[in-house]
């Protein structure tokens, strides 16, 4: 998992990122509740992030409702 705390994209996690960068304070409406660094996309060009190949042979299914300020959104 990449928490972006290095202040840059770590190549061990990402094979390609276009139109995005690491930001320290969130963005837009997320600024008041943002904590730590995040991957932020802006501009009008194509935007994407591609992870390196992941080994999911031991992964298990997990389903969780999205949350906002600790409350589920479903």
N, C-alpha and C. Protein backbone atom coordinates (compact mmCIF):
# COMPACT_ATOMS: atom_id res chain seq x y z
N UNK A 1 0.84 -1.18 0.00
CA UNK A 1 0.00 0.00 0.00
C UNK A 1 0.88 1.24 0.00
N UNK A 2 0.51 2.24 -0.78
CA UNK A 2 1.27 3.46 -0.86
C UNK A 2 0.52 4.57 -0.13
N UNK A 3 1.08 5.07 0.96
CA UNK A 3 0.48 6.19 1.68
C UNK A 3 1.00 7.52 1.20
N UNK A 4 1.89 7.50 0.21
CA UNK A 4 2.47 8.69 -0.40
C UNK A 4 3.26 9.54 0.59
N UNK A 5 3.63 8.96 1.73
CA UNK A 5 4.34 9.72 2.76
C UNK A 5 5.77 10.07 2.36
N UNK A 6 6.29 9.42 1.32
CA UNK A 6 7.63 9.76 0.84
C UNK A 6 7.62 11.12 0.13
N UNK A 7 6.42 11.64 -0.17
CA UNK A 7 6.31 12.91 -0.86
C UNK A 7 6.50 12.79 -2.35
N UNK A 8 6.56 11.57 -2.83
CA UNK A 8 6.73 11.30 -4.26
C UNK A 8 6.12 9.93 -4.55
N UNK A 9 5.95 9.63 -5.81
CA UNK A 9 5.45 8.32 -6.20
C UNK A 9 6.57 7.31 -6.10
N UNK A 10 6.32 6.20 -5.44
CA UNK A 10 7.32 5.15 -5.25
C UNK A 10 7.18 4.15 -6.40
N UNK A 11 8.23 3.99 -7.19
CA UNK A 11 8.15 3.14 -8.38
C UNK A 11 7.87 1.68 -8.06
N UNK A 12 8.09 1.26 -6.84
CA UNK A 12 7.78 -0.12 -6.46
C UNK A 12 6.26 -0.37 -6.45
N UNK A 13 5.45 0.69 -6.43
CA UNK A 13 4.00 0.56 -6.38
C UNK A 13 3.31 0.93 -7.68
N UNK A 14 3.92 1.81 -8.47
CA UNK A 14 3.26 2.38 -9.64
C UNK A 14 4.08 2.14 -10.91
N UNK A 15 3.44 1.59 -11.95
CA UNK A 15 4.15 1.42 -13.21
C UNK A 15 3.96 2.62 -14.11
N UNK A 16 2.85 3.36 -13.94
CA UNK A 16 2.62 4.56 -14.75
C UNK A 16 1.64 5.48 -14.05
N UNK A 17 1.92 6.78 -14.09
CA UNK A 17 0.99 7.80 -13.60
C UNK A 17 1.05 8.96 -14.59
N UNK A 18 -0.12 9.42 -15.03
CA UNK A 18 -0.18 10.55 -15.94
C UNK A 18 -1.20 11.56 -15.43
N UNK A 19 -0.80 12.80 -15.34
CA UNK A 19 -1.71 13.86 -14.90
C UNK A 19 -1.90 13.92 -13.40
N UNK A 20 -1.10 13.19 -12.64
CA UNK A 20 -1.25 13.17 -11.19
C UNK A 20 0.06 13.44 -10.50
N UNK A 21 -0.05 13.91 -9.27
CA UNK A 21 1.13 14.15 -8.45
C UNK A 21 0.75 13.98 -6.98
N UNK A 22 1.75 13.88 -6.13
CA UNK A 22 1.51 13.73 -4.69
C UNK A 22 1.33 15.11 -4.09
N UNK A 23 0.29 15.27 -3.30
CA UNK A 23 0.02 16.52 -2.61
C UNK A 23 -0.04 16.27 -1.11
N UNK A 24 0.30 17.27 -0.33
CA UNK A 24 0.37 17.10 1.12
C UNK A 24 -0.92 17.46 1.84
N UNK A 25 -1.78 18.25 1.23
CA UNK A 25 -2.91 18.81 1.97
C UNK A 25 -4.28 18.52 1.39
N UNK A 26 -4.42 17.50 0.58
CA UNK A 26 -5.71 17.24 -0.04
C UNK A 26 -6.00 18.27 -1.11
N UNK A 27 -7.24 18.34 -1.55
CA UNK A 27 -7.57 19.28 -2.61
C UNK A 27 -9.05 19.61 -2.56
N UNK A 28 -9.40 20.76 -3.10
CA UNK A 28 -10.81 21.15 -3.24
C UNK A 28 -11.60 20.93 -1.98
N UNK A 29 -12.75 20.28 -2.13
CA UNK A 29 -13.65 20.07 -1.00
C UNK A 29 -13.07 19.11 0.03
N UNK A 30 -12.03 18.36 -0.30
CA UNK A 30 -11.43 17.43 0.64
C UNK A 30 -10.44 18.10 1.58
N UNK A 31 -10.01 19.32 1.28
CA UNK A 31 -8.99 20.00 2.07
C UNK A 31 -9.30 20.03 3.56
N UNK A 32 -10.54 20.36 3.99
CA UNK A 32 -10.79 20.42 5.44
C UNK A 32 -10.65 19.09 6.16
N UNK A 33 -10.85 17.98 5.47
CA UNK A 33 -10.81 16.68 6.13
C UNK A 33 -9.62 15.83 5.70
N UNK A 34 -8.80 16.34 4.79
CA UNK A 34 -7.66 15.57 4.29
C UNK A 34 -6.59 15.46 5.37
N UNK A 35 -6.03 14.28 5.47
CA UNK A 35 -4.94 14.04 6.41
C UNK A 35 -3.82 13.33 5.67
N UNK A 36 -2.63 13.88 5.76
CA UNK A 36 -1.50 13.25 5.09
C UNK A 36 -1.48 13.52 3.60
N UNK A 37 -0.68 12.77 2.91
CA UNK A 37 -0.48 12.97 1.48
C UNK A 37 -1.44 12.11 0.66
N UNK A 38 -1.68 12.52 -0.56
CA UNK A 38 -2.57 11.77 -1.44
C UNK A 38 -2.12 11.96 -2.89
N UNK A 39 -2.64 11.10 -3.76
CA UNK A 39 -2.40 11.22 -5.19
C UNK A 39 -3.50 12.11 -5.74
N UNK A 40 -3.12 13.23 -6.34
CA UNK A 40 -4.07 14.24 -6.81
C UNK A 40 -3.97 14.38 -8.32
N UNK A 41 -5.11 14.35 -8.99
CA UNK A 41 -5.16 14.50 -10.44
C UNK A 41 -5.80 15.84 -10.78
N UNK A 42 -5.18 16.58 -11.70
CA UNK A 42 -5.75 17.85 -12.16
C UNK A 42 -5.37 18.07 -13.62
N UNK A 43 -5.84 19.16 -14.17
CA UNK A 43 -5.56 19.46 -15.57
C UNK A 43 -6.60 18.84 -16.48
N UNK A 44 -6.46 19.14 -17.76
CA UNK A 44 -7.46 18.66 -18.72
C UNK A 44 -6.91 17.58 -19.65
N UNK A 45 -5.75 17.08 -19.38
CA UNK A 45 -5.19 15.99 -20.17
C UNK A 45 -5.68 14.65 -19.63
N UNK A 46 -5.29 13.56 -20.28
CA UNK A 46 -5.65 12.22 -19.81
C UNK A 46 -5.03 11.99 -18.44
N UNK A 47 -5.80 11.39 -17.52
CA UNK A 47 -5.33 11.13 -16.16
C UNK A 47 -5.50 9.66 -15.84
N UNK A 48 -4.45 9.05 -15.30
CA UNK A 48 -4.55 7.65 -14.89
C UNK A 48 -3.39 7.29 -13.97
N UNK A 49 -3.60 6.22 -13.22
CA UNK A 49 -2.56 5.62 -12.38
C UNK A 49 -2.65 4.12 -12.56
N UNK A 50 -1.53 3.49 -12.87
CA UNK A 50 -1.48 2.05 -13.08
C UNK A 50 -0.52 1.45 -12.06
N UNK A 51 -0.99 0.49 -11.29
CA UNK A 51 -0.12 -0.16 -10.30
C UNK A 51 0.82 -1.13 -11.00
N UNK A 52 1.85 -1.52 -10.30
CA UNK A 52 2.69 -2.62 -10.77
C UNK A 52 1.84 -3.88 -10.66
N UNK A 53 2.30 -4.97 -11.24
CA UNK A 53 1.56 -6.23 -11.16
C UNK A 53 1.45 -6.65 -9.69
N UNK A 54 0.24 -7.05 -9.29
CA UNK A 54 -0.02 -7.44 -7.91
C UNK A 54 -0.19 -8.95 -7.82
N UNK A 55 0.34 -9.56 -6.79
CA UNK A 55 0.16 -10.98 -6.54
C UNK A 55 -1.08 -11.15 -5.67
N UNK A 56 -2.17 -11.56 -6.26
CA UNK A 56 -3.43 -11.71 -5.54
C UNK A 56 -3.80 -13.17 -5.28
N UNK A 57 -2.80 -14.04 -5.34
CA UNK A 57 -3.08 -15.46 -5.16
C UNK A 57 -3.64 -15.79 -3.78
N UNK A 58 -3.33 -14.99 -2.78
CA UNK A 58 -3.85 -15.25 -1.43
C UNK A 58 -4.90 -14.20 -1.01
N UNK A 59 -5.36 -13.40 -1.95
CA UNK A 59 -6.35 -12.36 -1.64
C UNK A 59 -7.70 -12.98 -1.36
N UNK A 60 -8.45 -12.33 -0.48
CA UNK A 60 -9.81 -12.75 -0.18
C UNK A 60 -10.75 -11.61 -0.51
N UNK A 61 -11.98 -11.93 -0.78
CA UNK A 61 -12.98 -10.93 -1.12
C UNK A 61 -13.35 -10.13 0.13
N UNK A 62 -13.55 -8.83 -0.06
CA UNK A 62 -13.96 -7.96 1.04
C UNK A 62 -14.90 -6.92 0.48
N UNK A 63 -16.01 -6.72 1.14
CA UNK A 63 -16.97 -5.72 0.70
C UNK A 63 -17.27 -4.80 1.88
N UNK A 64 -17.11 -3.51 1.64
CA UNK A 64 -17.39 -2.54 2.70
C UNK A 64 -18.12 -1.35 2.09
N UNK A 65 -19.02 -0.79 2.85
CA UNK A 65 -19.73 0.40 2.39
C UNK A 65 -18.80 1.60 2.46
N UNK A 66 -18.83 2.47 1.44
CA UNK A 66 -18.00 3.68 1.49
C UNK A 66 -18.38 4.52 2.70
N UNK A 67 -17.43 5.21 3.29
CA UNK A 67 -17.71 6.03 4.46
C UNK A 67 -17.31 7.48 4.22
N UNK A 68 -17.96 8.38 4.91
CA UNK A 68 -17.63 9.79 4.89
C UNK A 68 -17.78 10.29 6.31
N UNK A 69 -16.73 10.74 6.90
CA UNK A 69 -16.72 11.19 8.31
C UNK A 69 -17.26 10.12 9.25
N UNK A 70 -16.93 8.85 8.94
CA UNK A 70 -17.32 7.76 9.82
C UNK A 70 -18.72 7.23 9.60
N UNK A 71 -19.48 7.79 8.65
CA UNK A 71 -20.84 7.33 8.37
C UNK A 71 -20.86 6.64 7.02
N UNK A 72 -21.60 5.53 6.92
CA UNK A 72 -21.67 4.84 5.64
C UNK A 72 -22.52 5.65 4.67
N UNK A 73 -22.24 5.49 3.37
CA UNK A 73 -22.95 6.24 2.37
C UNK A 73 -23.99 5.39 1.66
N UNK A 74 -24.14 4.14 2.06
CA UNK A 74 -25.17 3.27 1.45
C UNK A 74 -26.42 3.33 2.26
